[in-house]
N, C-alpha and C. Protein backbone atom coordinates (compact mmCIF):
# COMPACT_ATOMS: atom_id res chain seq x y z
N UNK A 1 91.04 25.80 -109.84
CA UNK A 1 92.19 25.56 -109.52
C UNK A 1 93.27 26.14 -110.38
N UNK A 2 92.88 25.95 -111.89
CA UNK A 2 93.98 26.16 -112.53
C UNK A 2 93.92 27.51 -112.76
N UNK A 3 93.65 28.47 -112.93
CA UNK A 3 93.94 29.89 -112.34
C UNK A 3 94.47 30.17 -111.74
N UNK A 4 94.53 29.40 -110.48
CA UNK A 4 95.51 30.24 -108.84
C UNK A 4 96.93 29.36 -109.72
N UNK A 5 96.79 28.14 -110.04
CA UNK A 5 98.56 27.84 -110.58
C UNK A 5 99.18 28.39 -111.64
N UNK A 6 98.07 29.02 -112.46
CA UNK A 6 98.67 29.91 -113.61
C UNK A 6 99.10 31.12 -112.84
N UNK A 7 98.63 31.89 -112.44
CA UNK A 7 99.08 33.24 -111.23
C UNK A 7 100.15 32.70 -110.59
N UNK A 8 100.63 31.79 -109.72
CA UNK A 8 101.62 31.75 -109.16
C UNK A 8 102.93 31.49 -110.12
N UNK A 9 102.59 30.88 -111.07
CA UNK A 9 103.59 30.09 -111.94
C UNK A 9 104.29 31.68 -112.69
N UNK A 10 103.17 32.17 -112.72
CA UNK A 10 103.16 33.50 -114.20
C UNK A 10 104.06 34.69 -113.19
N UNK A 11 103.68 35.03 -111.47
CA UNK A 11 104.08 35.69 -110.53
C UNK A 11 105.95 35.45 -110.27
N UNK A 12 106.21 33.71 -110.27
CA UNK A 12 107.16 33.37 -110.08
C UNK A 12 108.23 33.79 -111.40
N UNK A 13 107.91 33.99 -112.64
CA UNK A 13 108.61 34.44 -113.70
C UNK A 13 108.26 35.92 -113.68
N UNK A 14 108.27 36.69 -113.14
CA UNK A 14 108.01 38.27 -112.66
C UNK A 14 106.76 38.78 -113.73
N UNK A 15 105.78 38.10 -113.98
CA UNK A 15 105.06 38.90 -114.50
C UNK A 15 104.01 39.03 -113.33
N UNK A 16 103.20 39.89 -113.99
CA UNK A 16 101.99 40.33 -113.23
C UNK A 16 100.42 40.14 -113.46
N UNK A 17 99.93 39.84 -112.46
CA UNK A 17 98.26 39.02 -113.01
C UNK A 17 96.95 39.67 -112.51
N UNK A 18 96.36 39.80 -113.09
CA UNK A 18 95.20 40.71 -112.37
C UNK A 18 93.78 39.45 -113.12
N UNK A 19 93.12 38.86 -112.40
CA UNK A 19 91.86 38.25 -112.54
C UNK A 19 90.49 39.12 -112.58
N UNK A 20 90.03 39.30 -113.72
CA UNK A 20 88.82 40.13 -113.89
C UNK A 20 87.35 38.85 -113.88
N UNK A 21 86.36 39.46 -113.79
CA UNK A 21 84.90 39.08 -113.51
C UNK A 21 84.17 39.92 -114.39
N UNK A 22 84.35 40.79 -114.98
CA UNK A 22 83.52 41.90 -115.47
C UNK A 22 83.22 41.41 -116.76
N UNK A 23 84.20 40.51 -117.36
CA UNK A 23 83.86 39.88 -118.89
C UNK A 23 82.55 39.09 -118.71
N UNK A 24 81.80 38.82 -117.68
CA UNK A 24 80.64 38.15 -117.63
C UNK A 24 79.35 39.28 -118.48
N UNK A 25 79.89 40.53 -118.10
CA UNK A 25 79.09 41.48 -118.25
C UNK A 25 78.89 41.66 -119.94
N UNK A 26 79.97 41.38 -121.09
CA UNK A 26 80.08 41.27 -121.72
C UNK A 26 80.26 40.12 -122.78
N UNK A 27 79.51 39.02 -122.49
CA UNK A 27 79.95 37.71 -122.71
C UNK A 27 79.49 37.86 -124.34
N UNK A 28 78.35 38.15 -124.62
CA UNK A 28 78.53 37.68 -126.14
C UNK A 28 79.94 38.88 -127.09
N UNK A 29 80.31 39.74 -126.93
CA UNK A 29 81.02 40.61 -127.10
C UNK A 29 82.55 39.41 -126.88
N UNK A 30 82.99 38.55 -125.99
CA UNK A 30 84.06 37.90 -125.51
C UNK A 30 83.44 36.45 -126.26
N UNK A 31 82.12 36.17 -126.64
CA UNK A 31 81.90 34.88 -127.18
C UNK A 31 82.69 34.69 -128.76
N UNK A 32 82.24 36.51 -128.86
CA UNK A 32 82.77 36.49 -130.41
C UNK A 32 84.43 36.25 -130.58
N UNK A 33 84.73 37.08 -129.86
CA UNK A 33 86.55 37.12 -130.06
C UNK A 33 86.66 35.82 -130.14
N UNK A 34 86.41 34.95 -128.75
CA UNK A 34 87.19 33.90 -128.96
C UNK A 34 86.32 32.58 -129.39
N UNK A 35 85.38 32.86 -129.90
CA UNK A 35 84.69 31.88 -131.31
C UNK A 35 84.06 30.59 -129.88
N UNK A 36 83.62 31.30 -129.19
CA UNK A 36 83.24 29.86 -128.63
C UNK A 36 82.09 29.28 -129.26
N UNK A 37 81.95 28.17 -129.07
CA UNK A 37 80.70 27.00 -129.04
C UNK A 37 79.66 27.18 -128.23
N UNK A 38 78.58 27.01 -128.73
CA UNK A 38 77.35 26.78 -127.73
C UNK A 38 77.70 25.95 -126.58
N UNK A 39 77.03 26.22 -125.47
CA UNK A 39 77.64 25.07 -124.05
C UNK A 39 78.69 25.54 -123.37
N UNK A 40 79.48 27.18 -123.87
CA UNK A 40 80.80 27.36 -123.41
C UNK A 40 80.15 28.67 -122.89
N UNK A 41 80.79 28.98 -121.70
CA UNK A 41 80.62 30.68 -122.00
C UNK A 41 81.89 31.18 -120.85
N UNK A 42 82.20 32.32 -121.23
CA UNK A 42 83.11 32.87 -120.13
C UNK A 42 82.89 33.15 -118.68
N UNK A 43 83.52 32.43 -117.30
CA UNK A 43 83.74 32.99 -115.99
C UNK A 43 84.47 34.06 -115.68
N UNK A 44 85.72 34.25 -116.30
CA UNK A 44 86.67 35.08 -115.57
C UNK A 44 87.78 35.62 -116.88
N UNK A 45 87.90 36.40 -116.98
CA UNK A 45 89.52 36.23 -117.50
C UNK A 45 90.91 36.69 -117.21
N UNK A 46 91.80 36.49 -117.57
CA UNK A 46 93.40 36.97 -116.72
C UNK A 46 94.24 37.88 -117.38
N UNK A 47 94.31 39.05 -116.82
CA UNK A 47 95.22 40.08 -117.38
C UNK A 47 96.63 39.41 -116.99
N UNK A 48 97.46 39.29 -117.77
CA UNK A 48 98.91 39.04 -117.78
C UNK A 48 99.89 40.13 -118.56
N UNK A 49 100.86 40.54 -117.03
CA UNK A 49 102.02 41.08 -118.50
C UNK A 49 103.01 41.54 -117.50
N UNK A 50 103.97 43.03 -117.91
CA UNK A 50 105.24 42.73 -116.95
C UNK A 50 104.54 44.16 -116.68
N UNK A 51 104.94 44.02 -115.12
CA UNK A 51 103.85 45.74 -114.26
C UNK A 51 104.78 46.87 -114.56
N UNK A 52 104.26 47.79 -115.04
CA UNK A 52 104.91 48.85 -114.96
C UNK A 52 105.16 49.82 -113.85
N UNK A 53 104.72 49.31 -112.76
CA UNK A 53 104.87 49.76 -111.33
C UNK A 53 104.69 48.47 -110.52
N UNK A 54 104.99 48.48 -109.00
CA UNK A 54 104.76 48.29 -108.09
C UNK A 54 103.25 47.76 -107.66
N UNK A 55 102.82 46.38 -107.84
CA UNK A 55 101.57 46.83 -107.24
C UNK A 55 101.20 46.19 -106.00
N UNK A 56 100.21 46.09 -105.87
CA UNK A 56 99.74 45.92 -103.94
C UNK A 56 98.85 44.76 -104.08
N UNK A 57 98.77 43.69 -102.75
CA UNK A 57 97.34 43.19 -102.62
C UNK A 57 96.61 43.64 -102.05
N UNK A 58 95.38 43.44 -102.29
CA UNK A 58 94.17 44.20 -101.59
C UNK A 58 93.64 43.68 -100.09
N UNK A 59 94.09 44.30 -99.09
CA UNK A 59 93.35 43.42 -97.43
C UNK A 59 92.04 42.90 -98.04
N UNK A 60 91.85 42.08 -96.78
CA UNK A 60 90.78 41.09 -97.05
C UNK A 60 89.98 41.71 -95.72
N UNK A 61 88.51 41.52 -95.63
CA UNK A 61 87.61 42.08 -94.82
C UNK A 61 88.22 40.83 -93.55
N UNK A 62 88.37 41.36 -92.01
CA UNK A 62 88.86 40.43 -91.40
C UNK A 62 87.75 39.43 -90.87
N UNK A 63 88.32 38.12 -90.90
CA UNK A 63 87.03 36.93 -90.15
C UNK A 63 85.95 37.48 -89.51
N UNK A 64 85.98 38.26 -88.11
CA UNK A 64 85.16 38.31 -87.43
C UNK A 64 83.85 39.29 -88.30
N UNK A 65 84.04 40.33 -89.25
CA UNK A 65 83.29 40.57 -90.02
C UNK A 65 82.61 39.26 -90.80
N UNK A 66 82.86 38.40 -91.41
CA UNK A 66 82.61 37.24 -92.35
C UNK A 66 82.41 36.49 -91.83
N UNK A 67 82.76 35.72 -90.67
CA UNK A 67 82.63 33.97 -90.28
C UNK A 67 82.21 35.02 -88.82
N UNK A 68 80.59 34.20 -88.53
CA UNK A 68 79.46 34.02 -87.81
C UNK A 68 79.57 33.02 -86.92
N UNK A 69 79.84 32.39 -85.44
CA UNK A 69 79.46 31.46 -85.06
C UNK A 69 78.10 30.88 -84.65
N UNK A 70 77.57 30.21 -84.65
CA UNK A 70 76.44 29.89 -83.67
C UNK A 70 75.33 30.67 -84.24
N UNK A 71 75.49 32.15 -84.29
CA UNK A 71 74.44 32.90 -84.70
C UNK A 71 75.01 34.18 -85.47
N UNK A 72 73.97 34.62 -86.58
CA UNK A 72 74.74 35.59 -87.36
C UNK A 72 74.54 36.87 -86.42
N UNK A 73 75.83 37.94 -86.04
CA UNK A 73 76.05 39.13 -85.11
C UNK A 73 76.22 39.48 -85.85
N UNK A 74 75.61 41.27 -86.32
CA UNK A 74 76.66 42.34 -87.03
C UNK A 74 75.78 43.71 -85.81
N UNK A 75 76.60 43.36 -84.81
CA UNK A 75 76.03 44.62 -83.59
C UNK A 75 77.09 45.52 -83.84
N UNK A 76 78.71 45.05 -84.07
CA UNK A 76 79.30 45.62 -84.51
C UNK A 76 80.12 46.24 -86.15
N UNK A 77 78.98 45.73 -86.78
CA UNK A 77 79.38 45.40 -88.28
C UNK A 77 79.96 47.03 -88.66
N UNK A 78 79.14 47.95 -88.41
CA UNK A 78 79.50 49.43 -88.87
C UNK A 78 80.44 49.85 -88.77
N UNK A 79 81.21 49.06 -87.74
CA UNK A 79 82.72 49.91 -86.83
C UNK A 79 83.30 48.93 -87.35
N UNK A 80 82.92 47.95 -87.20
CA UNK A 80 84.20 46.87 -88.38
C UNK A 80 84.44 47.40 -89.73
N UNK A 81 83.55 47.74 -90.60
CA UNK A 81 84.03 47.74 -91.94
C UNK A 81 84.21 49.37 -91.84
N UNK A 82 84.15 50.11 -90.72
CA UNK A 82 84.62 51.68 -91.04
C UNK A 82 86.02 51.63 -90.91
N UNK A 83 86.67 50.73 -89.40
CA UNK A 83 87.83 50.57 -89.19
C UNK A 83 88.48 49.89 -90.37
N UNK A 84 88.44 49.01 -91.12
CA UNK A 84 88.67 48.49 -92.18
C UNK A 84 88.74 49.30 -93.50
N UNK A 85 87.63 50.15 -93.74
CA UNK A 85 88.02 50.95 -94.93
C UNK A 85 88.99 52.01 -94.53
N UNK A 86 89.40 52.37 -92.89
CA UNK A 86 90.42 53.53 -93.05
C UNK A 86 91.58 52.39 -92.66
N UNK A 87 91.83 51.18 -92.30
CA UNK A 87 93.36 50.42 -92.20
C UNK A 87 93.78 50.19 -94.13
N UNK A 88 92.52 50.06 -94.94
CA UNK A 88 92.80 49.98 -96.37
C UNK A 88 93.54 50.81 -96.84
N UNK A 89 92.94 52.31 -96.47
CA UNK A 89 92.74 53.31 -97.28
C UNK A 89 94.51 54.04 -96.74
N UNK A 90 94.91 53.66 -95.71
CA UNK A 90 96.08 53.84 -95.22
C UNK A 90 96.78 53.11 -96.28
N UNK A 91 97.03 51.91 -96.44
CA UNK A 91 97.80 51.52 -97.08
C UNK A 91 97.91 51.91 -98.41
N UNK A 92 96.62 51.84 -99.17
CA UNK A 92 96.79 52.11 -100.53
C UNK A 92 95.19 53.27 -100.38
N UNK A 93 95.25 54.44 -100.57
CA UNK A 93 94.11 54.90 -101.25
C UNK A 93 93.77 55.22 -102.46
N UNK A 94 92.76 54.84 -103.02
CA UNK A 94 92.28 55.28 -104.43
C UNK A 94 92.19 56.47 -104.68
N UNK A 95 92.90 56.59 -105.81
CA UNK A 95 92.71 58.39 -106.08
C UNK A 95 91.69 58.89 -106.73
N UNK A 96 91.22 60.01 -106.66
CA UNK A 96 89.80 60.65 -106.66
C UNK A 96 89.51 60.35 -108.10
N UNK A 97 90.16 60.02 -109.24
CA UNK A 97 89.83 59.71 -110.67
C UNK A 97 89.45 58.22 -110.45
N UNK A 98 89.75 57.64 -109.66
CA UNK A 98 89.30 56.43 -109.69
C UNK A 98 87.84 56.10 -109.07
N UNK A 99 86.96 56.99 -108.21
CA UNK A 99 85.67 57.04 -107.49
C UNK A 99 85.15 56.69 -108.94
N UNK A 100 84.43 55.77 -108.26
CA UNK A 100 83.35 54.94 -109.34
C UNK A 100 81.77 55.89 -109.84
N UNK A 101 81.32 56.15 -110.86
CA UNK A 101 79.95 56.61 -111.26
C UNK A 101 80.22 58.44 -109.97
N UNK A 102 81.39 58.86 -110.55
CA UNK A 102 80.78 60.31 -110.20
C UNK A 102 79.79 61.61 -110.60
N UNK A 103 79.58 60.74 -111.80
CA UNK A 103 78.63 61.49 -112.60
C UNK A 103 77.09 61.46 -111.89
N UNK A 104 77.09 60.08 -110.95
CA UNK A 104 75.73 60.24 -110.46
C UNK A 104 75.60 60.19 -109.03
N UNK A 105 77.13 60.32 -108.33
CA UNK A 105 76.90 60.14 -106.76
C UNK A 105 78.08 61.42 -106.15
N UNK A 106 78.54 62.19 -107.04
CA UNK A 106 79.62 63.18 -106.96
C UNK A 106 81.08 62.11 -106.42
N UNK A 107 81.87 63.14 -106.18
CA UNK A 107 82.96 62.85 -105.52
C UNK A 107 82.73 62.82 -104.20
N UNK A 108 83.34 61.88 -103.21
CA UNK A 108 83.55 61.85 -101.83
C UNK A 108 84.64 61.77 -101.26
N UNK A 109 84.44 62.79 -99.97
CA UNK A 109 85.87 63.39 -99.30
C UNK A 109 86.42 62.26 -99.07
N UNK A 110 86.16 61.15 -97.90
CA UNK A 110 86.57 59.98 -98.37
C UNK A 110 86.13 58.49 -99.16
N UNK A 111 87.05 57.91 -99.68
CA UNK A 111 86.09 57.05 -100.90
C UNK A 111 87.10 56.10 -100.43
N UNK A 112 86.67 54.74 -99.05
CA UNK A 112 86.78 53.78 -98.95
C UNK A 112 86.17 52.75 -99.34
N UNK A 113 86.83 51.36 -99.24
CA UNK A 113 86.53 49.89 -99.91
C UNK A 113 84.47 50.10 -100.17
N UNK A 114 84.18 50.16 -98.53
CA UNK A 114 82.27 50.19 -98.61
C UNK A 114 81.81 51.04 -99.52
N UNK A 115 82.59 52.43 -99.65
CA UNK A 115 81.57 53.07 -100.98
C UNK A 115 81.88 52.97 -102.01
N UNK A 116 83.03 52.57 -102.25
CA UNK A 116 83.37 51.64 -103.84
C UNK A 116 82.37 50.84 -103.76
N UNK A 117 82.30 49.59 -103.17
CA UNK A 117 81.34 48.59 -103.02
C UNK A 117 79.90 48.73 -103.34
N UNK A 118 79.32 50.16 -102.55
CA UNK A 118 78.05 50.72 -102.44
C UNK A 118 77.66 50.93 -103.72
N UNK A 119 78.66 51.74 -104.33
CA UNK A 119 78.13 52.15 -106.09
C UNK A 119 78.84 51.32 -106.57
N UNK A 120 79.86 50.19 -106.61
CA UNK A 120 79.28 48.82 -107.37
C UNK A 120 77.63 48.33 -107.69
N UNK A 121 77.57 48.09 -106.36
CA UNK A 121 76.20 47.46 -106.16
C UNK A 121 75.23 48.20 -106.66
N UNK A 122 74.92 49.22 -106.67
CA UNK A 122 73.95 50.35 -107.28
C UNK A 122 73.58 49.93 -108.63
N UNK A 123 74.51 49.61 -109.10
CA UNK A 123 74.50 49.83 -110.56
C UNK A 123 73.91 48.21 -111.23
N UNK A 124 73.31 47.73 -111.54
CA UNK A 124 73.15 45.97 -112.08
C UNK A 124 74.58 46.04 -113.24
N UNK A 125 74.52 44.65 -113.31
CA UNK A 125 75.80 44.08 -113.72
C UNK A 125 74.88 43.16 -114.26
N UNK A 126 75.80 42.05 -114.79
CA UNK A 126 75.36 40.43 -115.50
C UNK A 126 74.02 40.55 -115.83
N UNK A 127 73.48 41.37 -116.47
CA UNK A 127 71.30 41.30 -116.58
C UNK A 127 71.22 40.53 -118.08
N UNK A 128 72.47 40.85 -118.66
CA UNK A 128 72.44 39.95 -119.82
C UNK A 128 73.25 38.49 -120.01
N UNK A 129 73.52 38.07 -118.66
CA UNK A 129 74.16 36.80 -118.44
C UNK A 129 72.49 35.54 -119.22
N UNK A 130 71.91 35.83 -117.82
CA UNK A 130 70.96 34.39 -118.33
C UNK A 130 70.91 34.77 -119.80
N UNK A 131 70.37 35.41 -120.28
CA UNK A 131 69.47 35.73 -121.66
C UNK A 131 70.88 35.14 -122.44
N UNK A 132 72.31 35.65 -122.18
CA UNK A 132 73.05 35.00 -123.25
C UNK A 132 73.48 33.61 -122.84
N UNK A 133 73.02 32.93 -122.00
CA UNK A 133 73.01 31.22 -121.59
C UNK A 133 72.08 30.81 -122.34
N UNK A 134 70.82 31.14 -122.51
CA UNK A 134 69.33 30.55 -123.03
C UNK A 134 70.43 30.44 -124.88
N UNK A 135 70.30 31.53 -125.34
CA UNK A 135 70.98 31.54 -126.63
C UNK A 135 72.27 30.68 -127.15
N UNK A 136 72.58 30.31 -125.85
CA UNK A 136 73.61 29.57 -126.06
C UNK A 136 73.48 27.88 -126.13
N UNK A 137 72.32 27.43 -125.46
CA UNK A 137 71.75 26.14 -125.38
C UNK A 137 71.41 26.17 -124.08
N UNK A 138 71.58 26.78 -122.87
CA UNK A 138 71.47 26.45 -121.45
C UNK A 138 70.13 26.50 -121.37
N UNK A 139 69.46 25.49 -120.50
CA UNK A 139 68.62 25.62 -119.84
C UNK A 139 68.38 26.25 -118.13
N UNK A 140 67.64 27.08 -117.69
CA UNK A 140 67.70 27.33 -116.70
C UNK A 140 66.42 27.38 -115.88
N UNK A 141 65.88 26.21 -116.39
CA UNK A 141 64.54 25.61 -115.83
C UNK A 141 64.84 24.58 -114.75
C-alpha cells in the first residue's frame, strides 16, 4: 500500500514513477548497494523522476480473460488475447528495438503483448533468489 500511496503523491507533484520487480533478479547487488542486513530482502524498486516525454498507462487484460465463474473456460482465450494484443498495439506499439531477445527469437513482424510475455517466460528469472534468501538467514523448509 505504501508504494501505491507514494506513486499517487509523486504523480500529483508532477513526477513520473515506474515500479520494477526485476531487482529481485539481482538481489545480491541490490543488498550490497543498500547495505541490507540479514532477514531483509528487496521485493520491488521504484524509479522516480521528471518525465522527459509523456508516458502511457498500459492496458490491462479484460476481465473475461482473467476471471472465470464457477468453472475455468478458455474456449475463446486465443481470440481474446489476439484481440487484446491488437487493441494494445493500436494504442502503443513497441518499437522494433524493444523486442525481447532478438538474438534468440529474431524480430517478429507483429510484436504484441503475448509475444513479449512468451519471450520473457522462456528465459529463467529469479533462479538465484532462493539462494540469496537462504544466505540471509531464511529457511524455506
